[in-house]
Amino acid sequence: MEDEEETGSSQWALVLGASSGTGAAIAEAVARSPGLDVFGVHRGRYADSAARVEQVVQEAGRRAVMSQADASTPEAAEAGVEALRRVAGTRSVKLFVHSIAGASVGQFLSEGEDRLHARRIRRTFDTMAHSFVYWAQALVAADMLAPEARLLGLQNPLDETHLSNTGLVSASKAALEMYVRHLAVELGPLGHRVNLLKFGTVMTPALRHVYSPEALARLEAMHSRMNPAGRMCTVEEVARFVTVLAGEDAAWFNGATIDFTGGMTLRLIDLVLNP
């Protein structure tokens, strides 16, 4: 009798950036519903959090494998997919979530240290956009996608507005959106779905690392004014919606940028004109 590694009889979620923040919340949520095993890739910056994710997934009765690697290169994608194939078998990936970040901020024409020079541009695009394609190519080449698999990228509202120093972030996310649309067309006839989930600022360890407590308090206060709900979105809310997208009821979404911002940008002009 063939073992499970050869037949791929279980279904897995492949989550890039699974050790903290949104990626961690998604990994934990999809382990509970719809009940997927989890193969998480992370850079190792939050080792304790990665161990916690592994524990939560196992407590949900699912298998968890956490792999430490830089997921932004085609070589890393091929190696990661091969490692997953050895564990899960072919046609086992029901859900692929691209939740890695690594963008440079600054000005394109600055003469100072914040200049967005070529190395920073290449690195940001590899991490935030190109890697989505690298992993999709590797998954297809290795025959790893389960029937009606879902591939999901994450987006933010910067495509609708301007935020100082984030031009490179916005550009890379625009490229990711185009990749999602074209992959949706290419993978659609095979039964797979490729979408982009757009949501606003959520509180993550990375955000707490970048901002001081005072700045975080201002950030929360401003989001409370912007969002019609009067508060920030949470990573748990994003993760719960991903479980919906992984289910049969969301099977007709394809090539879509799904707005989960809660109306975050609706009041921007009003807040400027009527502070």
C-alpha atoms as a PDB file:
ATOM      1  CA  MET A   1       0.000   0.000   0.000  1.00  0.00           C
ATOM      2  CA  GLU A   2       1.263   3.467  -0.853  1.00  0.00           C
ATOM      3  CA  ASP A   3       1.884   5.726   2.119  1.00  0.00           C
ATOM      4  CA  GLU A   4       0.427   9.217   2.509  1.00  0.00           C
ATOM      5  CA  GLU A   5       3.653  10.922   1.390  1.00  0.00           C
ATOM      6  CA  GLU A   6       3.308   9.263  -1.999  1.00  0.00           C
ATOM      7  CA  THR A   7      -0.413   9.662  -2.516  1.00  0.00           C
ATOM      8  CA  GLY A   8      -0.888  13.149  -1.087  1.00  0.00           C
ATOM      9  CA  SER A   9      -4.185  12.097   0.552  1.00  0.00           C
ATOM     10  CA  SER A  10      -4.171  14.969   3.053  1.00  0.00           C
ATOM     11  CA  GLN A  11      -4.626  18.620   2.206  1.00  0.00           C
ATOM     12  CA  TRP A  12      -2.142  21.303   3.171  1.00  0.00           C
ATOM     13  CA  ALA A  13      -1.850  25.054   3.482  1.00  0.00           C
ATOM     14  CA  LEU A  14       1.471  26.486   2.365  1.00  0.00           C
ATOM     15  CA  VAL A  15       1.941  29.797   4.164  1.00  0.00           C
ATOM     16  CA  LEU A  16       4.883  32.093   3.464  1.00  0.00           C
ATOM     17  CA  GLY A  17       5.583  34.334   6.431  1.00  0.00           C
ATOM     18  CA  ALA A  18       3.910  31.973   8.884  1.00  0.00           C
ATOM     19  CA  SER A  19       5.793  32.811  12.070  1.00  0.00           C
ATOM     20  CA  SER A  20       4.073  36.062  13.079  1.00  0.00           C
ATOM     21  CA  GLY A  21       1.406  38.612  12.289  1.00  0.00           C
ATOM     22  CA  THR A  22      -1.129  37.904   9.569  1.00  0.00           C
ATOM     23  CA  GLY A  23       0.637  34.796   8.259  1.00  0.00           C
ATOM     24  CA  ALA A  24       0.680  33.186  11.697  1.00  0.00           C
ATOM     25  CA  ALA A  25      -2.982  33.994  12.292  1.00  0.00           C
ATOM     26  CA  ILE A  26      -3.918  32.502   8.912  1.00  0.00           C
ATOM     27  CA  ALA A  27      -1.909  29.324   9.569  1.00  0.00           C
ATOM     28  CA  GLU A  28      -3.665  28.808  12.895  1.00  0.00           C
ATOM     29  CA  ALA A  29      -7.124  29.597  11.492  1.00  0.00           C
ATOM     30  CA  VAL A  30      -7.012  27.279   8.470  1.00  0.00           C
ATOM     31  CA  ALA A  31      -5.780  24.444  10.673  1.00  0.00           C
ATOM     32  CA  ARG A  32      -9.074  24.745  12.568  1.00  0.00           C
ATOM     33  CA  SER A  33     -11.259  25.402   9.528  1.00  0.00           C
ATOM     34  CA  PRO A  34     -11.339  23.917   6.950  1.00  0.00           C
ATOM     35  CA  GLY A  35      -8.831  21.681   8.759  1.00  0.00           C
ATOM     36  CA  LEU A  36      -5.628  21.862   6.716  1.00  0.00           C
ATOM     37  CA  ASP A  37      -2.167  20.668   7.643  1.00  0.00           C
ATOM     38  CA  VAL A  38       0.287  23.566   7.590  1.00  0.00           C
ATOM     39  CA  PHE A  39       3.689  23.967   5.968  1.00  0.00           C
ATOM     40  CA  GLY A  40       4.970  27.346   7.083  1.00  0.00           C
ATOM     41  CA  VAL A  41       8.009  29.198   5.772  1.00  0.00           C
ATOM     42  CA  HIS A  42       9.616  31.967   7.823  1.00  0.00           C
ATOM     43  CA  ARG A  43      12.919  33.827   8.102  1.00  0.00           C
ATOM     44  CA  GLY A  44      13.546  32.919  11.732  1.00  0.00           C
ATOM     45  CA  ARG A  45      13.135  36.387  13.228  1.00  0.00           C
ATOM     46  CA  TYR A  46      10.308  35.242  15.482  1.00  0.00           C
ATOM     47  CA  ALA A  47      11.386  31.758  16.510  1.00  0.00           C
ATOM     48  CA  ASP A  48       9.229  31.689  19.643  1.00  0.00           C
ATOM     49  CA  SER A  49       6.182  32.731  17.646  1.00  0.00           C
ATOM     50  CA  ALA A  50       6.907  30.076  15.012  1.00  0.00           C
ATOM     51  CA  ALA A  51       7.012  27.433  17.751  1.00  0.00           C
ATOM     52  CA  ARG A  52       3.691  28.712  19.080  1.00  0.00           C
ATOM     53  CA  VAL A  53       2.087  28.486  15.621  1.00  0.00           C
ATOM     54  CA  GLU A  54       3.308  24.918  15.307  1.00  0.00           C
ATOM     55  CA  GLN A  55       1.811  24.078  18.701  1.00  0.00           C
ATOM     56  CA  VAL A  56      -1.552  25.692  17.914  1.00  0.00           C
ATOM     57  CA  VAL A  57      -1.814  23.840  14.601  1.00  0.00           C
ATOM     58  CA  GLN A  58      -1.017  20.545  16.297  1.00  0.00           C
ATOM     59  CA  GLU A  59      -3.554  21.239  19.044  1.00  0.00           C
ATOM     60  CA  ALA A  60      -6.127  21.629  16.264  1.00  0.00           C
ATOM     61  CA  GLY A  61      -5.328  18.050  15.275  1.00  0.00           C
ATOM     62  CA  ARG A  62      -3.346  18.934  12.149  1.00  0.00           C
ATOM     63  CA  ARG A  63       0.259  18.408  11.170  1.00  0.00           C
ATOM     64  CA  ALA A  64       2.634  21.351  11.176  1.00  0.00           C
ATOM     65  CA  VAL A  65       6.025  21.785   9.539  1.00  0.00           C
ATOM     66  CA  MET A  66       7.841  25.091  10.018  1.00  0.00           C
ATOM     67  CA  SER A  67      10.721  25.717   7.622  1.00  0.00           C
ATOM     68  CA  GLN A  68      13.219  28.547   8.124  1.00  0.00           C
ATOM     69  CA  ALA A  69      14.261  30.080   4.817  1.00  0.00           C
ATOM     70  CA  ASP A  70      14.298  33.257   2.736  1.00  0.00           C
ATOM     71  CA  ALA A  71      11.285  32.648   0.516  1.00  0.00           C
ATOM     72  CA  SER A  72      11.971  35.461  -1.938  1.00  0.00           C
ATOM     73  CA  THR A  73      14.094  33.643  -4.554  1.00  0.00           C
ATOM     74  CA  PRO A  74      13.220  31.073  -7.230  1.00  0.00           C
ATOM     75  CA  GLU A  75      15.783  28.701  -5.729  1.00  0.00           C
ATOM     76  CA  ALA A  76      14.099  28.973  -2.325  1.00  0.00           C
ATOM     77  CA  ALA A  77      10.713  28.302  -3.923  1.00  0.00           C
ATOM     78  CA  GLU A  78      11.957  25.158  -5.660  1.00  0.00           C
ATOM     79  CA  ALA A  79      13.672  23.900  -2.499  1.00  0.00           C
ATOM     80  CA  GLY A  80      10.646  24.680  -0.330  1.00  0.00           C
ATOM     81  CA  VAL A  81       8.211  22.946  -2.654  1.00  0.00           C
ATOM     82  CA  GLU A  82      10.468  19.896  -2.832  1.00  0.00           C
ATOM     83  CA  ALA A  83      10.622  19.763   0.981  1.00  0.00           C
ATOM     84  CA  LEU A  84       6.838  19.995   1.110  1.00  0.00           C
ATOM     85  CA  ARG A  85       6.458  17.279  -1.535  1.00  0.00           C
ATOM     86  CA  ARG A  86       8.531  14.891   0.567  1.00  0.00           C
ATOM     87  CA  VAL A  87       6.243  15.501   3.529  1.00  0.00           C
ATOM     88  CA  ALA A  88       2.839  15.847   1.889  1.00  0.00           C
ATOM     89  CA  GLY A  89       3.023  14.150  -1.491  1.00  0.00           C
ATOM     90  CA  THR A  90       1.814  15.524  -4.808  1.00  0.00           C
ATOM     91  CA  ARG A  91      -1.498  17.327  -5.376  1.00  0.00           C
ATOM     92  CA  SER A  92      -1.744  18.160  -1.690  1.00  0.00           C
ATOM     93  CA  VAL A  93      -1.660  21.986  -1.512  1.00  0.00           C
ATOM     94  CA  LYS A  94      -5.210  23.247  -1.155  1.00  0.00           C
ATOM     95  CA  LEU A  95      -4.218  26.754  -0.088  1.00  0.00           C
ATOM     96  CA  PHE A  96      -1.143  28.865  -0.821  1.00  0.00           C
ATOM     97  CA  VAL A  97      -0.835  32.169   1.050  1.00  0.00           C
ATOM     98  CA  HIS A  98       1.849  34.727   0.243  1.00  0.00           C
ATOM     99  CA  SER A  99       2.304  36.735   3.439  1.00  0.00           C
ATOM    100  CA  ILE A 100       5.977  37.687   3.320  1.00  0.00           C
ATOM    101  CA  ALA A 101       7.120  41.291   3.481  1.00  0.00           C
ATOM    102  CA  GLY A 102      10.488  42.956   3.153  1.00  0.00           C
ATOM    103  CA  ALA A 103      10.047  46.309   1.478  1.00  0.00           C
ATOM    104  CA  SER A 104      12.428  49.242   1.547  1.00  0.00           C
ATOM    105  CA  VAL A 105      10.965  52.664   2.279  1.00  0.00           C
ATOM    106  CA  GLY A 106      12.380  55.961   1.113  1.00  0.00           C
ATOM    107  CA  GLN A 107      12.481  58.345  -1.826  1.00  0.00           C
ATOM    108  CA  PHE A 108      13.384  57.485  -5.404  1.00  0.00           C
ATOM    109  CA  LEU A 109      15.289  60.739  -5.987  1.00  0.00           C
ATOM    110  CA  SER A 110      16.764  61.288  -2.542  1.00  0.00           C
ATOM    111  CA  GLU A 111      20.492  61.959  -2.239  1.00  0.00           C
ATOM    112  CA  GLY A 112      20.533  60.665   1.356  1.00  0.00           C
ATOM    113  CA  GLU A 113      20.496  57.264   3.036  1.00  0.00           C
ATOM    114  CA  ASP A 114      16.813  56.785   2.204  1.00  0.00           C
ATOM    115  CA  ARG A 115      17.497  56.678  -1.551  1.00  0.00           C
ATOM    116  CA  LEU A 116      15.782  53.714  -3.184  1.00  0.00           C
ATOM    117  CA  HIS A 117      18.753  52.391  -5.109  1.00  0.00           C
ATOM    118  CA  ALA A 118      18.712  49.415  -7.451  1.00  0.00           C
ATOM    119  CA  ARG A 119      19.525  46.750  -4.851  1.00  0.00           C
ATOM    120  CA  ARG A 120      16.648  47.875  -2.632  1.00  0.00           C
ATOM    121  CA  ILE A 121      14.281  47.950  -5.597  1.00  0.00           C
ATOM    122  CA  ARG A 122      15.219  44.435  -6.726  1.00  0.00           C
ATOM    123  CA  ARG A 123      14.978  43.056  -3.198  1.00  0.00           C
ATOM    124  CA  THR A 124      11.573  44.625  -2.578  1.00  0.00           C
ATOM    125  CA  PHE A 125      10.105  43.356  -5.842  1.00  0.00           C
ATOM    126  CA  ASP A 126      11.519  39.867  -5.291  1.00  0.00           C
ATOM    127  CA  THR A 127      10.005  39.692  -1.812  1.00  0.00           C
ATOM    128  CA  MET A 128       6.703  41.479  -2.301  1.00  0.00           C
ATOM    129  CA  ALA A 129       5.805  40.468  -5.865  1.00  0.00           C
ATOM    130  CA  HIS A 130       8.087  38.194  -7.892  1.00  0.00           C
ATOM    131  CA  SER A 131       8.185  35.487  -5.207  1.00  0.00           C
ATOM    132  CA  PHE A 132       4.448  34.904  -5.665  1.00  0.00           C
ATOM    133  CA  VAL A 133       5.214  33.837  -9.228  1.00  0.00           C
ATOM    134  CA  TYR A 134       8.286  31.809  -8.205  1.00  0.00           C
ATOM    135  CA  TRP A 135       6.244  29.709  -5.770  1.00  0.00           C
ATOM    136  CA  ALA A 136       3.307  29.331  -8.157  1.00  0.00           C
ATOM    137  CA  GLN A 137       5.680  28.096 -10.862  1.00  0.00           C
ATOM    138  CA  ALA A 138       7.360  25.656  -8.471  1.00  0.00           C
ATOM    139  CA  LEU A 139       4.026  24.309  -7.203  1.00  0.00           C
ATOM    140  CA  VAL A 140       2.746  23.679 -10.725  1.00  0.00           C
ATOM    141  CA  ALA A 141       6.028  22.160 -11.930  1.00  0.00           C
ATOM    142  CA  ALA A 142       6.028  19.692  -9.034  1.00  0.00           C
ATOM    143  CA  ASP A 143       2.315  18.854  -9.473  1.00  0.00           C
ATOM    144  CA  MET A 144       1.627  20.023  -5.929  1.00  0.00           C
ATOM    145  CA  LEU A 145      -1.718  21.827  -6.337  1.00  0.00           C
ATOM    146  CA  ALA A 146      -4.721  19.912  -5.051  1.00  0.00           C
ATOM    147  CA  PRO A 147      -7.959  19.988  -7.078  1.00  0.00           C
ATOM    148  CA  GLU A 148      -9.544  23.451  -6.885  1.00  0.00           C
ATOM    149  CA  ALA A 149      -6.555  24.923  -5.060  1.00  0.00           C
ATOM    150  CA  ARG A 150      -6.606  28.529  -3.886  1.00  0.00           C
ATOM    151  CA  LEU A 151      -3.623  30.874  -4.293  1.00  0.00           C
ATOM    152  CA  LEU A 152      -3.853  34.079  -2.291  1.00  0.00           C
ATOM    153  CA  GLY A 153      -1.749  37.233  -2.232  1.00  0.00           C
ATOM    154  CA  LEU A 154      -2.148  40.034   0.307  1.00  0.00           C
ATOM    155  CA  GLN A 155      -2.624  43.683  -0.631  1.00  0.00           C
ATOM    156  CA  ASN A 156      -2.985  47.022   1.185  1.00  0.00           C
ATOM    157  CA  PRO A 157      -4.865  50.265   0.352  1.00  0.00           C
ATOM    158  CA  LEU A 158      -1.748  52.096  -0.881  1.00  0.00           C
ATOM    159  CA  ASP A 159      -2.912  51.547  -4.449  1.00  0.00           C
ATOM    160  CA  GLU A 160      -5.663  54.100  -3.725  1.00  0.00           C
ATOM    161  CA  THR A 161      -3.736  56.835  -1.978  1.00  0.00           C
ATOM    162  CA  HIS A 162      -0.307  58.314  -1.305  1.00  0.00           C
ATOM    163  CA  LEU A 163       1.773  57.691   1.805  1.00  0.00           C
ATOM    164  CA  SER A 164       5.207  59.259   2.071  1.00  0.00           C
ATOM    165  CA  ASN A 165       8.203  56.945   1.576  1.00  0.00           C
ATOM    166  CA  THR A 166       6.096  53.992   0.390  1.00  0.00           C
ATOM    167  CA  GLY A 167       6.348  54.391  -3.394  1.00  0.00           C
ATOM    168  CA  LEU A 168       8.326  51.183  -3.754  1.00  0.00           C
ATOM    169  CA  VAL A 169       5.838  49.267  -1.599  1.00  0.00           C
ATOM    170  CA  SER A 170       2.956  50.530  -3.749  1.00  0.00           C
ATOM    171  CA  ALA A 171       4.757  49.675  -6.995  1.00  0.00           C
ATOM    172  CA  SER A 172       5.594  46.136  -5.893  1.00  0.00           C
ATOM    173  CA  LYS A 173       2.019  45.545  -4.731  1.00  0.00           C
ATOM    174  CA  ALA A 174       0.749  46.807  -8.091  1.00  0.00           C
ATOM    175  CA  ALA A 175       2.969  44.212  -9.771  1.00  0.00           C
ATOM    176  CA  LEU A 176       1.606  41.538  -7.434  1.00  0.00           C
ATOM    177  CA  GLU A 177      -1.933  42.474  -8.457  1.00  0.00           C
ATOM    178  CA  MET A 178      -1.071  42.014 -12.139  1.00  0.00           C
ATOM    179  CA  TYR A 179       0.583  38.665 -11.396  1.00  0.00           C
ATOM    180  CA  VAL A 180      -2.571  37.529  -9.613  1.00  0.00           C
ATOM    181  CA  ARG A 181      -4.775  38.454 -12.564  1.00  0.00           C
ATOM    182  CA  HIS A 182      -2.609  36.725 -15.139  1.00  0.00           C
ATOM    183  CA  LEU A 183      -2.118  33.596 -13.028  1.00  0.00           C
ATOM    184  CA  ALA A 184      -5.880  33.475 -12.506  1.00  0.00           C
ATOM    185  CA  VAL A 185      -6.323  33.246 -16.263  1.00  0.00           C
ATOM    186  CA  GLU A 186      -3.620  30.605 -16.649  1.00  0.00           C
ATOM    187  CA  LEU A 187      -4.715  28.434 -13.713  1.00  0.00           C
ATOM    188  CA  GLY A 188      -8.472  28.954 -14.049  1.00  0.00           C
ATOM    189  CA  PRO A 189      -8.974  26.278 -16.727  1.00  0.00           C
ATOM    190  CA  LEU A 190      -7.277  23.787 -14.382  1.00  0.00           C
ATOM    191  CA  GLY A 191      -9.847  24.495 -11.676  1.00  0.00           C
ATOM    192  CA  HIS A 192      -7.637  26.629  -9.454  1.00  0.00           C
ATOM    193  CA  ARG A 193      -8.369  30.137  -8.178  1.00  0.00           C
ATOM    194  CA  VAL A 194      -5.929  33.026  -7.692  1.00  0.00           C
ATOM    195  CA  ASN A 195      -6.968  36.119  -5.751  1.00  0.00           C
ATOM    196  CA  LEU A 196      -5.681  39.115  -3.829  1.00  0.00           C
ATOM    197  CA  LEU A 197      -7.014  40.078  -0.403  1.00  0.00           C
ATOM    198  CA  LYS A 198      -6.765  43.782   0.399  1.00  0.00           C
ATOM    199  CA  PHE A 199      -7.002  44.919   4.014  1.00  0.00           C
ATOM    200  CA  GLY A 200      -5.891  47.896   6.072  1.00  0.00           C
ATOM    201  CA  THR A 201      -3.318  48.285   8.820  1.00  0.00           C
ATOM    202  CA  VAL A 202      -3.301  45.516  11.421  1.00  0.00           C
ATOM    203  CA  MET A 203      -1.231  45.347  14.584  1.00  0.00           C
ATOM    204  CA  THR A 204       1.699  42.946  14.128  1.00  0.00           C
ATOM    205  CA  PRO A 205       5.068  42.313  15.823  1.00  0.00           C
ATOM    206  CA  ALA A 206       6.776  43.972  12.853  1.00  0.00           C
ATOM    207  CA  LEU A 207       4.689  47.104  13.331  1.00  0.00           C
ATOM    208  CA  ARG A 208       5.498  47.180  17.044  1.00  0.00           C
ATOM    209  CA  HIS A 209       9.170  46.821  16.179  1.00  0.00           C
ATOM    210  CA  VAL A 210       9.133  49.791  13.793  1.00  0.00           C
ATOM    211  CA  TYR A 211       7.027  52.242  15.809  1.00  0.00           C
ATOM    212  CA  SER A 212       7.397  53.562  19.342  1.00  0.00           C
ATOM    213  CA  PRO A 213       4.496  53.066  21.779  1.00  0.00           C
ATOM    214  CA  GLU A 214       3.580  56.738  21.329  1.00  0.00           C
ATOM    215  CA  ALA A 215       3.543  56.409  17.542  1.00  0.00           C
ATOM    216  CA  LEU A 216       1.455  53.242  17.776  1.00  0.00           C
ATOM    217  CA  ALA A 217      -1.055  55.066  19.951  1.00  0.00           C
ATOM    218  CA  ARG A 218      -1.349  57.810  17.323  1.00  0.00           C
ATOM    219  CA  LEU A 219      -1.677  55.175  14.608  1.00  0.00           C
ATOM    220  CA  GLU A 220      -4.540  53.482  16.407  1.00  0.00           C
ATOM    221  CA  ALA A 221      -6.224  56.826  17.095  1.00  0.00           C
ATOM    222  CA  MET A 222      -6.072  57.832  13.422  1.00  0.00           C
ATOM    223  CA  HIS A 223      -7.424  54.491  12.273  1.00  0.00           C
ATOM    224  CA  SER A 224     -10.254  54.819  14.755  1.00  0.00           C
ATOM    225  CA  ARG A 225     -11.165  58.082  13.005  1.00  0.00           C
ATOM    226  CA  MET A 226     -10.739  56.722   9.473  1.00  0.00           C
ATOM    227  CA  ASN A 227     -12.507  53.392   9.783  1.00  0.00           C
ATOM    228  CA  PRO A 228     -16.313  53.540   9.893  1.00  0.00           C
ATOM    229  CA  ALA A 229     -16.184  50.808  12.545  1.00  0.00           C
ATOM    230  CA  GLY A 230     -14.169  53.139  14.782  1.00  0.00           C
ATOM    231  CA  ARG A 231     -11.209  50.785  15.238  1.00  0.00           C
ATOM    232  CA  MET A 232      -8.418  48.929  13.444  1.00  0.00           C
ATOM    233  CA  CYS A 233      -8.934  45.570  11.796  1.00  0.00           C
ATOM    234  CA  THR A 234      -7.292  42.600  13.528  1.00  0.00           C
ATOM    235  CA  VAL A 235      -5.151  39.788  12.150  1.00  0.00           C
ATOM    236  CA  GLU A 236      -7.718  37.346  13.511  1.00  0.00           C
ATOM    237  CA  GLU A 237     -10.466  38.929  11.410  1.00  0.00           C
ATOM    238  CA  VAL A 238      -8.297  38.677   8.290  1.00  0.00           C
ATOM    239  CA  ALA A 239      -7.491  35.054   9.094  1.00  0.00           C
ATOM    240  CA  ARG A 240     -11.133  34.114   9.603  1.00  0.00           C
ATOM    241  CA  PHE A 241     -12.000  35.569   6.201  1.00  0.00           C
ATOM    242  CA  VAL A 242      -9.214  33.533   4.603  1.00  0.00           C
ATOM    243  CA  THR A 243     -10.927  30.403   5.924  1.00  0.00           C
ATOM    244  CA  VAL A 244     -13.997  31.535   3.992  1.00  0.00           C
ATOM    245  CA  LEU A 245     -11.947  32.018   0.823  1.00  0.00           C
ATOM    246  CA  ALA A 246     -10.549  28.504   1.247  1.00  0.00           C
ATOM    247  CA  GLY A 247     -14.049  27.023   1.312  1.00  0.00           C
ATOM    248  CA  GLU A 248     -16.435  25.954  -1.426  1.00  0.00           C
ATOM    249  CA  ASP A 249     -18.682  29.004  -1.026  1.00  0.00           C
ATOM    250  CA  ALA A 250     -15.883  31.248  -2.368  1.00  0.00           C
ATOM    251  CA  ALA A 251     -15.027  29.070  -5.348  1.00  0.00           C
ATOM    252  CA  TRP A 252     -16.172  31.623  -7.933  1.00  0.00           C
ATOM    253  CA  PHE A 253     -13.719  34.328  -6.830  1.00  0.00           C
ATOM    254  CA  ASN A 254     -10.911  34.415  -9.386  1.00  0.00           C
ATOM    255  CA  GLY A 255      -8.506  37.144 -10.440  1.00  0.00           C
ATOM    256  CA  ALA A 256     -10.192  39.392  -7.887  1.00  0.00           C
ATOM    257  CA  THR A 257      -8.835  42.037  -5.571  1.00  0.00           C
ATOM    258  CA  ILE A 258     -11.154  41.482  -2.621  1.00  0.00           C
ATOM    259  CA  ASP A 259     -11.729  44.609  -0.534  1.00  0.00           C
ATOM    260  CA  PHE A 260     -11.562  43.748   3.162  1.00  0.00           C
ATOM    261  CA  THR A 261     -10.544  47.242   4.283  1.00  0.00           C
ATOM    262  CA  GLY A 262     -13.798  47.943   6.119  1.00  0.00           C
ATOM    263  CA  GLY A 263     -14.139  51.234   4.261  1.00  0.00           C
ATOM    264  CA  MET A 264     -10.805  52.482   5.588  1.00  0.00           C
ATOM    265  CA  THR A 265     -10.243  55.092   2.865  1.00  0.00           C
ATOM    266  CA  LEU A 266     -13.814  56.375   2.516  1.00  0.00           C
ATOM    267  CA  ARG A 267     -13.378  59.341   4.851  1.00  0.00           C
ATOM    268  CA  LEU A 268      -9.899  60.548   3.910  1.00  0.00           C
ATOM    269  CA  ILE A 269     -11.024  63.725   2.112  1.00  0.00           C
ATOM    270  CA  ASP A 270     -13.549  64.438   4.846  1.00  0.00           C
ATOM    271  CA  LEU A 271     -10.859  64.119   7.530  1.00  0.00           C
ATOM    272  CA  VAL A 272      -8.597  66.536   5.655  1.00  0.00           C
ATOM    273  CA  LEU A 273     -11.279  69.143   4.969  1.00  0.00           C
ATOM    274  CA  ASN A 274     -13.075  68.734   8.289  1.00  0.00           C
ATOM    275  CA  PRO A 275     -10.397  67.740  10.822  1.00  0.00           C
END
